[in-house]
Amino acid sequence: MKYAALIFRNLTWISQTLFFFKSQFAVILGLGLIAAFGRAAQLGAFGEVSSGFHVCLEVLIQSSRLLIFIYTLGLTNVRRAIFGVRDLFANKNIRTANWQIAIQKIRSEWPSLLANLFIYLLIALVINKLIDYAAYQTCLYYKLKSSEIISNKSSEWVIILFFKNLSVIPLTLVFNALFLLWITNKKASSF
């Protein structure tokens, strides 16, 4: 009973993830759209791409994902996140202190950690099932091809990865960034 109360009282990590995603939806969606269209172009949704352009698109996709992570890690302040990461790698005392805090938090709140992970996995599973349903069980793919919005040579993966780059991938990046704040006792409620 003691662990159940601790778990439900400390679902802050997942609740902060969902709140941050909701409150910063426009920024996250914008960066997710960059990644989504980049990945769709890489998969040939708009026609063949050269290998050089494929590399440029990959840099663009990964940069937008990195920005989502840093934007979240700094709680909308990219500069603060960059300086925090720099200080973490440059200053041994900060790194050691954060490791000690993280180890202490894992030891004392492991049930909460597992509960947050389990709830996130359920959310991700539902999102992925909905994306698979949209790609394979609806006529969306054929409608996009027949309307010549996507190339006839493209596969269902264009739709799948487009929607994943708008939903589950940014949510995972937010979840992971807020995990780093949660595990080191940084205040994530300030956004």
N, C-alpha and C. Protein backbone atom coordinates (compact mmCIF):
# COMPACT_ATOMS: atom_id res chain seq x y z
N MET A 1 0.82 -1.20 0.00
CA MET A 1 0.00 0.00 0.00
C MET A 1 0.86 1.25 0.00
N LYS A 2 1.99 1.17 0.72
CA LYS A 2 2.90 2.31 0.79
C LYS A 2 3.43 2.66 -0.60
N TYR A 3 3.78 1.62 -1.41
CA TYR A 3 4.30 1.86 -2.75
C TYR A 3 3.23 2.41 -3.68
N ALA A 4 2.00 1.96 -3.55
CA ALA A 4 0.91 2.44 -4.40
C ALA A 4 0.69 3.94 -4.18
N ALA A 5 0.69 4.37 -2.94
CA ALA A 5 0.52 5.80 -2.64
C ALA A 5 1.68 6.61 -3.20
N LEU A 6 2.89 6.08 -3.07
CA LEU A 6 4.07 6.75 -3.60
C LEU A 6 4.02 6.86 -5.12
N ILE A 7 3.58 5.80 -5.77
CA ILE A 7 3.50 5.79 -7.23
C ILE A 7 2.53 6.85 -7.72
N PHE A 8 1.31 6.82 -7.22
CA PHE A 8 0.30 7.73 -7.73
C PHE A 8 0.54 9.18 -7.32
N ARG A 9 1.22 9.39 -6.21
CA ARG A 9 1.55 10.74 -5.79
C ARG A 9 2.66 11.33 -6.66
N ASN A 10 3.50 10.45 -7.21
CA ASN A 10 4.67 10.91 -7.94
C ASN A 10 4.62 10.61 -9.43
N LEU A 11 3.49 10.78 -10.04
CA LEU A 11 3.40 10.65 -11.49
C LEU A 11 3.68 12.00 -12.16
N THR A 12 4.57 12.76 -11.55
CA THR A 12 4.86 14.10 -12.07
C THR A 12 5.57 14.06 -13.41
N TRP A 13 6.40 13.08 -13.63
CA TRP A 13 7.18 13.01 -14.87
C TRP A 13 6.25 12.90 -16.08
N ILE A 14 5.31 11.98 -16.06
CA ILE A 14 4.40 11.81 -17.19
C ILE A 14 3.42 12.98 -17.28
N SER A 15 2.95 13.48 -16.14
CA SER A 15 2.01 14.60 -16.18
C SER A 15 2.69 15.87 -16.69
N GLN A 16 3.94 16.09 -16.31
CA GLN A 16 4.68 17.24 -16.82
C GLN A 16 4.97 17.08 -18.31
N THR A 17 5.22 15.86 -18.75
CA THR A 17 5.43 15.61 -20.18
C THR A 17 4.20 15.98 -20.98
N LEU A 18 3.05 15.51 -20.54
CA LEU A 18 1.81 15.81 -21.26
C LEU A 18 1.46 17.29 -21.20
N PHE A 19 1.68 17.93 -20.04
CA PHE A 19 1.41 19.35 -19.92
C PHE A 19 2.35 20.17 -20.79
N PHE A 20 3.63 19.84 -20.78
CA PHE A 20 4.59 20.57 -21.61
C PHE A 20 4.25 20.40 -23.09
N PHE A 21 3.94 19.18 -23.49
CA PHE A 21 3.58 18.92 -24.89
C PHE A 21 2.36 19.74 -25.29
N LYS A 22 1.38 19.81 -24.40
CA LYS A 22 0.17 20.58 -24.68
C LYS A 22 0.44 22.09 -24.70
N SER A 23 1.18 22.57 -23.72
CA SER A 23 1.40 24.01 -23.61
C SER A 23 2.36 24.54 -24.68
N GLN A 24 3.24 23.71 -25.18
CA GLN A 24 4.20 24.12 -26.21
C GLN A 24 3.90 23.44 -27.55
N PHE A 25 2.64 23.13 -27.78
CA PHE A 25 2.23 22.35 -28.93
C PHE A 25 2.63 23.01 -30.25
N ALA A 26 2.49 24.31 -30.37
CA ALA A 26 2.79 25.00 -31.63
C ALA A 26 4.27 24.85 -32.00
N VAL A 27 5.15 25.05 -31.04
CA VAL A 27 6.59 24.94 -31.30
C VAL A 27 6.95 23.49 -31.63
N ILE A 28 6.45 22.57 -30.82
CA ILE A 28 6.77 21.16 -31.04
C ILE A 28 6.19 20.69 -32.37
N LEU A 29 4.97 21.12 -32.69
CA LEU A 29 4.36 20.74 -33.97
C LEU A 29 5.16 21.32 -35.14
N GLY A 30 5.60 22.55 -35.02
CA GLY A 30 6.38 23.16 -36.09
C GLY A 30 7.67 22.41 -36.35
N LEU A 31 8.39 22.09 -35.29
CA LEU A 31 9.63 21.32 -35.45
C LEU A 31 9.34 19.90 -35.92
N GLY A 32 8.24 19.33 -35.45
CA GLY A 32 7.84 18.00 -35.89
C GLY A 32 7.46 17.98 -37.37
N LEU A 33 6.83 19.06 -37.84
CA LEU A 33 6.48 19.16 -39.27
C LEU A 33 7.73 19.19 -40.14
N ILE A 34 8.75 19.89 -39.68
CA ILE A 34 10.00 19.92 -40.44
C ILE A 34 10.55 18.50 -40.58
N ALA A 35 10.58 17.78 -39.46
CA ALA A 35 11.07 16.40 -39.49
C ALA A 35 10.16 15.51 -40.33
N ALA A 36 8.85 15.70 -40.22
CA ALA A 36 7.89 14.86 -40.93
C ALA A 36 8.00 15.04 -42.45
N PHE A 37 8.03 16.29 -42.90
CA PHE A 37 8.16 16.52 -44.34
C PHE A 37 9.54 16.10 -44.85
N GLY A 38 10.57 16.29 -44.04
CA GLY A 38 11.90 15.84 -44.43
C GLY A 38 11.96 14.33 -44.61
N ARG A 39 11.36 13.61 -43.65
CA ARG A 39 11.36 12.15 -43.74
C ARG A 39 10.50 11.67 -44.91
N ALA A 40 9.36 12.33 -45.14
CA ALA A 40 8.52 11.96 -46.28
C ALA A 40 9.25 12.19 -47.59
N ALA A 41 9.99 13.28 -47.69
CA ALA A 41 10.76 13.55 -48.91
C ALA A 41 11.86 12.52 -49.09
N GLN A 42 12.51 12.13 -47.99
CA GLN A 42 13.55 11.10 -48.07
C GLN A 42 12.99 9.78 -48.59
N LEU A 43 11.76 9.47 -48.22
CA LEU A 43 11.15 8.21 -48.64
C LEU A 43 10.52 8.28 -50.03
N GLY A 44 10.71 9.40 -50.70
CA GLY A 44 10.24 9.52 -52.08
C GLY A 44 8.79 9.92 -52.22
N ALA A 45 8.23 10.55 -51.22
CA ALA A 45 6.83 10.96 -51.30
C ALA A 45 6.60 12.00 -52.39
N PHE A 46 7.61 12.79 -52.67
CA PHE A 46 7.46 13.86 -53.66
C PHE A 46 8.33 13.61 -54.88
N GLY A 47 8.81 12.40 -55.02
CA GLY A 47 9.68 12.03 -56.13
C GLY A 47 11.05 11.62 -55.63
N GLU A 48 11.88 11.21 -56.56
CA GLU A 48 13.24 10.77 -56.22
C GLU A 48 14.06 11.93 -55.68
N VAL A 49 14.95 11.61 -54.72
CA VAL A 49 15.88 12.61 -54.19
C VAL A 49 17.30 12.10 -54.38
N SER A 50 18.20 13.03 -54.64
CA SER A 50 19.60 12.66 -54.81
C SER A 50 20.20 12.30 -53.46
N SER A 51 21.34 11.63 -53.49
CA SER A 51 21.98 11.21 -52.24
C SER A 51 22.45 12.42 -51.43
N GLY A 52 22.91 13.47 -52.11
CA GLY A 52 23.33 14.68 -51.41
C GLY A 52 22.16 15.36 -50.72
N PHE A 53 21.03 15.42 -51.40
CA PHE A 53 19.83 16.02 -50.82
C PHE A 53 19.30 15.14 -49.69
N HIS A 54 19.46 13.84 -49.83
CA HIS A 54 19.05 12.90 -48.78
C HIS A 54 19.83 13.19 -47.49
N VAL A 55 21.11 13.43 -47.61
CA VAL A 55 21.95 13.75 -46.44
C VAL A 55 21.52 15.09 -45.84
N CYS A 56 21.26 16.08 -46.69
CA CYS A 56 20.80 17.39 -46.20
C CYS A 56 19.48 17.25 -45.44
N LEU A 57 18.59 16.44 -45.97
CA LEU A 57 17.31 16.22 -45.29
C LEU A 57 17.52 15.53 -43.94
N GLU A 58 18.44 14.59 -43.88
CA GLU A 58 18.72 13.90 -42.62
C GLU A 58 19.26 14.87 -41.58
N VAL A 59 20.12 15.78 -41.99
CA VAL A 59 20.64 16.80 -41.07
C VAL A 59 19.49 17.68 -40.58
N LEU A 60 18.61 18.05 -41.48
CA LEU A 60 17.45 18.87 -41.12
C LEU A 60 16.53 18.14 -40.13
N ILE A 61 16.27 16.87 -40.40
CA ILE A 61 15.40 16.06 -39.53
C ILE A 61 16.00 15.95 -38.14
N GLN A 62 17.27 15.57 -38.08
CA GLN A 62 17.90 15.38 -36.78
C GLN A 62 18.08 16.70 -36.03
N SER A 63 18.29 17.78 -36.76
CA SER A 63 18.40 19.09 -36.12
C SER A 63 17.08 19.51 -35.49
N SER A 64 15.98 19.25 -36.18
CA SER A 64 14.68 19.62 -35.61
C SER A 64 14.38 18.77 -34.38
N ARG A 65 14.76 17.52 -34.40
CA ARG A 65 14.57 16.66 -33.23
C ARG A 65 15.44 17.12 -32.07
N LEU A 66 16.68 17.47 -32.37
CA LEU A 66 17.58 17.97 -31.33
C LEU A 66 17.05 19.27 -30.73
N LEU A 67 16.48 20.12 -31.56
CA LEU A 67 15.90 21.37 -31.05
C LEU A 67 14.71 21.10 -30.14
N ILE A 68 13.89 20.12 -30.46
CA ILE A 68 12.78 19.77 -29.57
C ILE A 68 13.34 19.34 -28.21
N PHE A 69 14.37 18.50 -28.23
CA PHE A 69 14.96 18.02 -26.98
C PHE A 69 15.57 19.17 -26.18
N ILE A 70 16.35 20.02 -26.83
CA ILE A 70 16.99 21.13 -26.13
C ILE A 70 15.96 22.15 -25.65
N TYR A 71 14.97 22.42 -26.47
CA TYR A 71 13.89 23.34 -26.10
C TYR A 71 13.18 22.85 -24.84
N THR A 72 12.97 21.55 -24.76
CA THR A 72 12.33 20.97 -23.59
C THR A 72 13.27 20.94 -22.40
N LEU A 73 14.50 20.58 -22.63
CA LEU A 73 15.48 20.50 -21.55
C LEU A 73 15.68 21.86 -20.88
N GLY A 74 15.62 22.92 -21.66
CA GLY A 74 15.73 24.26 -21.10
C GLY A 74 14.41 24.85 -20.69
N LEU A 75 13.35 24.04 -20.76
CA LEU A 75 11.99 24.49 -20.43
C LEU A 75 11.65 25.76 -21.21
N THR A 76 11.80 25.69 -22.50
CA THR A 76 11.56 26.70 -23.53
C THR A 76 12.71 27.70 -23.67
N ASN A 77 13.75 27.56 -22.87
CA ASN A 77 14.89 28.46 -22.96
C ASN A 77 16.07 27.65 -23.51
N VAL A 78 16.28 27.77 -24.82
CA VAL A 78 17.33 27.00 -25.49
C VAL A 78 18.71 27.37 -24.95
N ARG A 79 18.91 28.62 -24.71
CA ARG A 79 20.21 29.07 -24.22
C ARG A 79 20.54 28.45 -22.86
N ARG A 80 19.56 28.43 -21.97
CA ARG A 80 19.77 27.82 -20.65
C ARG A 80 20.11 26.34 -20.79
N ALA A 81 19.45 25.65 -21.71
CA ALA A 81 19.73 24.22 -21.91
C ALA A 81 21.14 24.00 -22.44
N ILE A 82 21.56 24.81 -23.39
CA ILE A 82 22.90 24.66 -23.96
C ILE A 82 23.97 24.91 -22.90
N PHE A 83 23.80 25.96 -22.11
CA PHE A 83 24.77 26.24 -21.05
C PHE A 83 24.73 25.17 -19.96
N GLY A 84 23.56 24.62 -19.68
CA GLY A 84 23.45 23.54 -18.69
C GLY A 84 24.17 22.29 -19.14
N VAL A 85 24.01 21.93 -20.41
CA VAL A 85 24.71 20.76 -20.95
C VAL A 85 26.21 21.01 -20.98
N ARG A 86 26.60 22.21 -21.38
CA ARG A 86 28.03 22.55 -21.39
C ARG A 86 28.62 22.43 -20.00
N ASP A 87 27.92 22.99 -19.00
CA ASP A 87 28.42 22.93 -17.62
C ASP A 87 28.48 21.50 -17.11
N LEU A 88 27.53 20.68 -17.52
CA LEU A 88 27.52 19.29 -17.09
C LEU A 88 28.76 18.54 -17.58
N PHE A 89 29.14 18.79 -18.83
CA PHE A 89 30.31 18.11 -19.38
C PHE A 89 31.62 18.77 -18.96
N ALA A 90 31.61 20.07 -18.70
CA ALA A 90 32.84 20.79 -18.39
C ALA A 90 33.19 20.78 -16.90
N ASN A 91 32.19 20.69 -16.05
CA ASN A 91 32.42 20.81 -14.62
C ASN A 91 32.19 19.46 -13.93
N LYS A 92 33.26 18.90 -13.42
CA LYS A 92 33.18 17.58 -12.78
C LYS A 92 32.31 17.62 -11.53
N ASN A 93 32.35 18.72 -10.79
CA ASN A 93 31.55 18.82 -9.55
C ASN A 93 30.06 18.79 -9.86
N ILE A 94 29.65 19.47 -10.90
CA ILE A 94 28.24 19.47 -11.30
C ILE A 94 27.83 18.07 -11.76
N ARG A 95 28.69 17.46 -12.53
CA ARG A 95 28.41 16.10 -13.04
C ARG A 95 28.29 15.11 -11.87
N THR A 96 29.20 15.18 -10.93
CA THR A 96 29.17 14.28 -9.77
C THR A 96 27.93 14.52 -8.92
N ALA A 97 27.59 15.78 -8.71
CA ALA A 97 26.40 16.10 -7.91
C ALA A 97 25.14 15.58 -8.58
N ASN A 98 25.04 15.74 -9.89
CA ASN A 98 23.86 15.25 -10.62
C ASN A 98 23.77 13.73 -10.58
N TRP A 99 24.92 13.03 -10.67
CA TRP A 99 24.91 11.58 -10.57
C TRP A 99 24.43 11.13 -9.20
N GLN A 100 24.89 11.80 -8.17
CA GLN A 100 24.48 11.44 -6.81
C GLN A 100 22.99 11.66 -6.60
N ILE A 101 22.49 12.78 -7.12
CA ILE A 101 21.05 13.06 -7.02
C ILE A 101 20.26 12.01 -7.79
N ALA A 102 20.73 11.66 -8.98
CA ALA A 102 20.01 10.68 -9.82
C ALA A 102 19.99 9.30 -9.16
N ILE A 103 21.10 8.87 -8.61
CA ILE A 103 21.16 7.57 -7.95
C ILE A 103 20.23 7.55 -6.73
N GLN A 104 20.25 8.63 -5.97
CA GLN A 104 19.37 8.72 -4.79
C GLN A 104 17.90 8.70 -5.21
N LYS A 105 17.58 9.40 -6.28
CA LYS A 105 16.18 9.45 -6.75
C LYS A 105 15.73 8.09 -7.24
N ILE A 106 16.58 7.38 -7.97
CA ILE A 106 16.22 6.04 -8.46
C ILE A 106 16.01 5.08 -7.29
N ARG A 107 16.88 5.16 -6.30
CA ARG A 107 16.74 4.27 -5.14
C ARG A 107 15.47 4.55 -4.35
N SER A 108 15.14 5.81 -4.19
CA SER A 108 13.99 6.15 -3.36
C SER A 108 12.66 6.12 -4.12
N GLU A 109 12.69 6.35 -5.42
CA GLU A 109 11.43 6.46 -6.16
C GLU A 109 11.35 5.51 -7.35
N TRP A 110 11.93 4.34 -7.23
CA TRP A 110 11.88 3.39 -8.35
C TRP A 110 10.46 2.96 -8.70
N PRO A 111 9.52 2.83 -7.73
CA PRO A 111 8.16 2.48 -8.15
C PRO A 111 7.52 3.58 -9.01
N SER A 112 7.79 4.81 -8.65
CA SER A 112 7.27 5.93 -9.44
C SER A 112 7.89 5.94 -10.83
N LEU A 113 9.17 5.65 -10.90
CA LEU A 113 9.87 5.58 -12.18
C LEU A 113 9.23 4.53 -13.09
N LEU A 114 8.99 3.37 -12.54
CA LEU A 114 8.37 2.29 -13.32
C LEU A 114 6.95 2.65 -13.73
N ALA A 115 6.20 3.28 -12.85
CA ALA A 115 4.82 3.66 -13.18
C ALA A 115 4.79 4.69 -14.30
N ASN A 116 5.67 5.68 -14.23
CA ASN A 116 5.75 6.69 -15.29
C ASN A 116 6.12 6.05 -16.63
N LEU A 117 7.09 5.15 -16.61
CA LEU A 117 7.50 4.45 -17.83
C LEU A 117 6.36 3.61 -18.39
N PHE A 118 5.65 2.91 -17.53
CA PHE A 118 4.54 2.07 -17.97
C PHE A 118 3.44 2.91 -18.62
N ILE A 119 3.08 4.01 -17.99
CA ILE A 119 2.03 4.87 -18.55
C ILE A 119 2.49 5.44 -19.88
N TYR A 120 3.75 5.87 -19.97
CA TYR A 120 4.23 6.39 -21.24
C TYR A 120 4.19 5.30 -22.33
N LEU A 121 4.59 4.10 -21.99
CA LEU A 121 4.56 3.01 -22.96
C LEU A 121 3.15 2.73 -23.45
N LEU A 122 2.17 2.83 -22.57
CA LEU A 122 0.78 2.66 -22.99
C LEU A 122 0.35 3.77 -23.95
N ILE A 123 0.72 4.99 -23.64
CA ILE A 123 0.38 6.12 -24.52
C ILE A 123 1.03 5.94 -25.88
N ALA A 124 2.31 5.59 -25.90
CA ALA A 124 3.02 5.38 -27.16
C ALA A 124 2.43 4.22 -27.95
N LEU A 125 2.03 3.17 -27.27
CA LEU A 125 1.41 2.03 -27.94
C LEU A 125 0.10 2.43 -28.62
N VAL A 126 -0.71 3.20 -27.94
CA VAL A 126 -1.99 3.65 -28.51
C VAL A 126 -1.74 4.54 -29.73
N ILE A 127 -0.80 5.47 -29.61
CA ILE A 127 -0.49 6.35 -30.74
C ILE A 127 0.00 5.54 -31.93
N ASN A 128 0.90 4.60 -31.69
CA ASN A 128 1.43 3.77 -32.79
C ASN A 128 0.35 2.91 -33.42
N LYS A 129 -0.56 2.39 -32.62
CA LYS A 129 -1.67 1.59 -33.17
C LYS A 129 -2.57 2.47 -34.04
N LEU A 130 -2.83 3.69 -33.60
CA LEU A 130 -3.66 4.61 -34.41
C LEU A 130 -2.98 4.97 -35.73
N ILE A 131 -1.67 5.17 -35.68
CA ILE A 131 -0.93 5.47 -36.91
C ILE A 131 -0.97 4.28 -37.85
N ASP A 132 -0.75 3.08 -37.33
CA ASP A 132 -0.83 1.88 -38.17
C ASP A 132 -2.22 1.72 -38.77
N TYR A 133 -3.23 2.01 -37.98
CA TYR A 133 -4.60 1.91 -38.47
C TYR A 133 -4.82 2.90 -39.62
N ALA A 134 -4.34 4.14 -39.43
CA ALA A 134 -4.51 5.15 -40.49
C ALA A 134 -3.77 4.75 -41.76
N ALA A 135 -2.64 4.11 -41.62
CA ALA A 135 -1.84 3.74 -42.79
C ALA A 135 -2.37 2.50 -43.50
N TYR A 136 -2.85 1.51 -42.74
CA TYR A 136 -3.19 0.23 -43.34
C TYR A 136 -4.69 -0.07 -43.42
N GLN A 137 -5.48 0.54 -42.58
CA GLN A 137 -6.89 0.19 -42.53
C GLN A 137 -7.82 1.25 -43.11
N THR A 138 -7.28 2.38 -43.51
CA THR A 138 -8.12 3.42 -44.13
C THR A 138 -7.68 3.60 -45.58
N CYS A 139 -8.38 4.42 -46.27
CA CYS A 139 -8.05 4.67 -47.67
C CYS A 139 -7.15 5.91 -47.82
N LEU A 140 -6.57 6.38 -46.74
CA LEU A 140 -5.74 7.58 -46.78
C LEU A 140 -4.59 7.45 -47.76
N TYR A 141 -3.90 6.33 -47.71
CA TYR A 141 -2.75 6.10 -48.60
C TYR A 141 -3.17 6.15 -50.07
N TYR A 142 -4.23 5.47 -50.40
CA TYR A 142 -4.70 5.44 -51.80
C TYR A 142 -5.25 6.78 -52.22
N LYS A 143 -5.89 7.50 -51.32
CA LYS A 143 -6.42 8.82 -51.63
C LYS A 143 -5.27 9.81 -51.90
N LEU A 144 -4.22 9.74 -51.10
CA LEU A 144 -3.06 10.62 -51.32
C LEU A 144 -2.39 10.31 -52.65
N LYS A 145 -2.32 9.03 -53.01
CA LYS A 145 -1.72 8.64 -54.29
C LYS A 145 -2.61 9.04 -55.47
N SER A 146 -3.90 8.80 -55.35
CA SER A 146 -4.80 9.11 -56.46
C SER A 146 -4.94 10.61 -56.67
N SER A 147 -4.80 11.38 -55.60
CA SER A 147 -4.85 12.84 -55.71
C SER A 147 -3.51 13.43 -56.11
N GLU A 148 -2.52 12.56 -56.29
CA GLU A 148 -1.16 12.93 -56.66
C GLU A 148 -0.50 13.88 -55.65
N ILE A 149 -0.87 13.69 -54.39
CA ILE A 149 -0.22 14.44 -53.31
C ILE A 149 1.12 13.79 -52.99
N ILE A 150 1.15 12.46 -53.04
CA ILE A 150 2.40 11.73 -52.89
C ILE A 150 2.65 10.92 -54.16
N SER A 151 3.87 10.57 -54.37
CA SER A 151 4.29 9.85 -55.56
C SER A 151 3.69 8.45 -55.60
N ASN A 152 3.46 7.95 -56.80
CA ASN A 152 2.95 6.59 -56.96
C ASN A 152 3.94 5.54 -56.51
N LYS A 153 5.22 5.86 -56.47
CA LYS A 153 6.24 4.91 -56.06
C LYS A 153 6.43 4.84 -54.55
N SER A 154 5.81 5.73 -53.81
CA SER A 154 5.99 5.75 -52.36
C SER A 154 5.15 4.66 -51.70
N SER A 155 5.56 4.29 -50.49
CA SER A 155 4.87 3.23 -49.76
C SER A 155 4.09 3.81 -48.58
N GLU A 156 3.46 2.92 -47.83
CA GLU A 156 2.71 3.34 -46.65
C GLU A 156 3.62 3.94 -45.58
N TRP A 157 4.92 3.64 -45.67
CA TRP A 157 5.86 4.17 -44.70
C TRP A 157 5.93 5.69 -44.73
N VAL A 158 5.58 6.29 -45.85
CA VAL A 158 5.53 7.75 -45.90
C VAL A 158 4.52 8.26 -44.89
N ILE A 159 3.35 7.66 -44.87
CA ILE A 159 2.30 8.08 -43.94
C ILE A 159 2.69 7.73 -42.51
N ILE A 160 3.19 6.52 -42.31
CA ILE A 160 3.54 6.08 -40.96
C ILE A 160 4.59 7.00 -40.35
N LEU A 161 5.68 7.24 -41.07
CA LEU A 161 6.76 8.07 -40.51
C LEU A 161 6.38 9.54 -40.46
N PHE A 162 5.51 9.99 -41.34
CA PHE A 162 5.03 11.36 -41.26
C PHE A 162 4.29 11.58 -39.94
N PHE A 163 3.36 10.70 -39.63
CA PHE A 163 2.60 10.85 -38.39
C PHE A 163 3.44 10.56 -37.14
N LYS A 164 4.39 9.66 -37.23
CA LYS A 164 5.26 9.41 -36.08
C LYS A 164 6.12 10.63 -35.77
N ASN A 165 6.57 11.34 -36.81
CA ASN A 165 7.37 12.54 -36.60
C ASN A 165 6.54 13.70 -36.06
N LEU A 166 5.24 13.60 -36.15
CA LEU A 166 4.37 14.62 -35.58
C LEU A 166 3.89 14.28 -34.18
N SER A 167 3.96 13.02 -33.80
CA SER A 167 3.34 12.62 -32.55
C SER A 167 4.29 11.91 -31.59
N VAL A 168 4.56 10.66 -31.85
CA VAL A 168 5.24 9.83 -30.86
C VAL A 168 6.73 10.18 -30.73
N ILE A 169 7.37 10.59 -31.79
CA ILE A 169 8.79 10.95 -31.69
C ILE A 169 8.98 12.23 -30.88
N PRO A 170 8.24 13.33 -31.18
CA PRO A 170 8.38 14.51 -30.32
C PRO A 170 7.96 14.25 -28.87
N LEU A 171 6.91 13.45 -28.68
CA LEU A 171 6.49 13.13 -27.32
C LEU A 171 7.59 12.38 -26.58
N THR A 172 8.27 11.48 -27.25
CA THR A 172 9.38 10.75 -26.65
C THR A 172 10.54 11.68 -26.31
N LEU A 173 10.83 12.62 -27.18
CA LEU A 173 11.91 13.58 -26.91
C LEU A 173 11.57 14.44 -25.70
N VAL A 174 10.34 14.89 -25.60
CA VAL A 174 9.90 15.67 -24.43
C VAL A 174 9.98 14.81 -23.18
N PHE A 175 9.50 13.59 -23.27
CA PHE A 175 9.52 12.66 -22.15
C PHE A 175 10.95 12.42 -21.65
N ASN A 176 11.88 12.22 -22.57
CA ASN A 176 13.28 11.97 -22.20
C ASN A 176 13.94 13.20 -21.60
N ALA A 177 13.67 14.37 -22.17
CA ALA A 177 14.27 15.60 -21.62
C ALA A 177 13.74 15.86 -20.21
N LEU A 178 12.44 15.69 -20.03
CA LEU A 178 11.88 15.91 -18.70
C LEU A 178 12.31 14.83 -17.71
N PHE A 179 12.67 13.65 -18.22
CA PHE A 179 13.24 12.62 -17.35
C PHE A 179 14.56 13.12 -16.76
N LEU A 180 15.39 13.73 -17.59
CA LEU A 180 16.67 14.23 -17.08
C LEU A 180 16.45 15.30 -16.02
N LEU A 181 15.43 16.13 -16.21
CA LEU A 181 15.13 17.15 -15.19
C LEU A 181 14.55 16.50 -13.93
N TRP A 182 13.68 15.52 -14.13
CA TRP A 182 13.04 14.84 -12.99
C TRP A 182 14.06 14.07 -12.17
N ILE A 183 14.95 13.36 -12.84
CA ILE A 183 15.90 12.50 -12.14
C ILE A 183 16.95 13.30 -11.38
N THR A 184 17.18 14.55 -11.78
CA THR A 184 18.17 15.40 -11.11
C THR A 184 17.50 16.47 -10.24
N ASN A 185 16.20 16.33 -9.99
CA ASN A 185 15.43 17.23 -9.13
C ASN A 185 15.40 18.69 -9.61
N LYS A 186 15.48 18.88 -10.91
CA LYS A 186 15.36 20.23 -11.44
C LYS A 186 13.88 20.58 -11.48
N LYS A 187 13.57 21.81 -11.31
CA LYS A 187 12.18 22.25 -11.30
C LYS A 187 11.64 22.29 -12.72
N ALA A 188 10.75 21.37 -13.02
CA ALA A 188 10.14 21.31 -14.35
C ALA A 188 8.79 21.99 -14.36
N SER A 189 8.33 22.47 -13.24
CA SER A 189 7.01 23.09 -13.17
C SER A 189 7.04 24.57 -13.54
N SER A 190 8.21 25.11 -13.86
CA SER A 190 8.33 26.55 -14.13
C SER A 190 7.88 26.96 -15.52
N PHE A 191 7.55 26.01 -16.39
CA PHE A 191 7.10 26.39 -17.73
C PHE A 191 5.64 26.70 -17.69
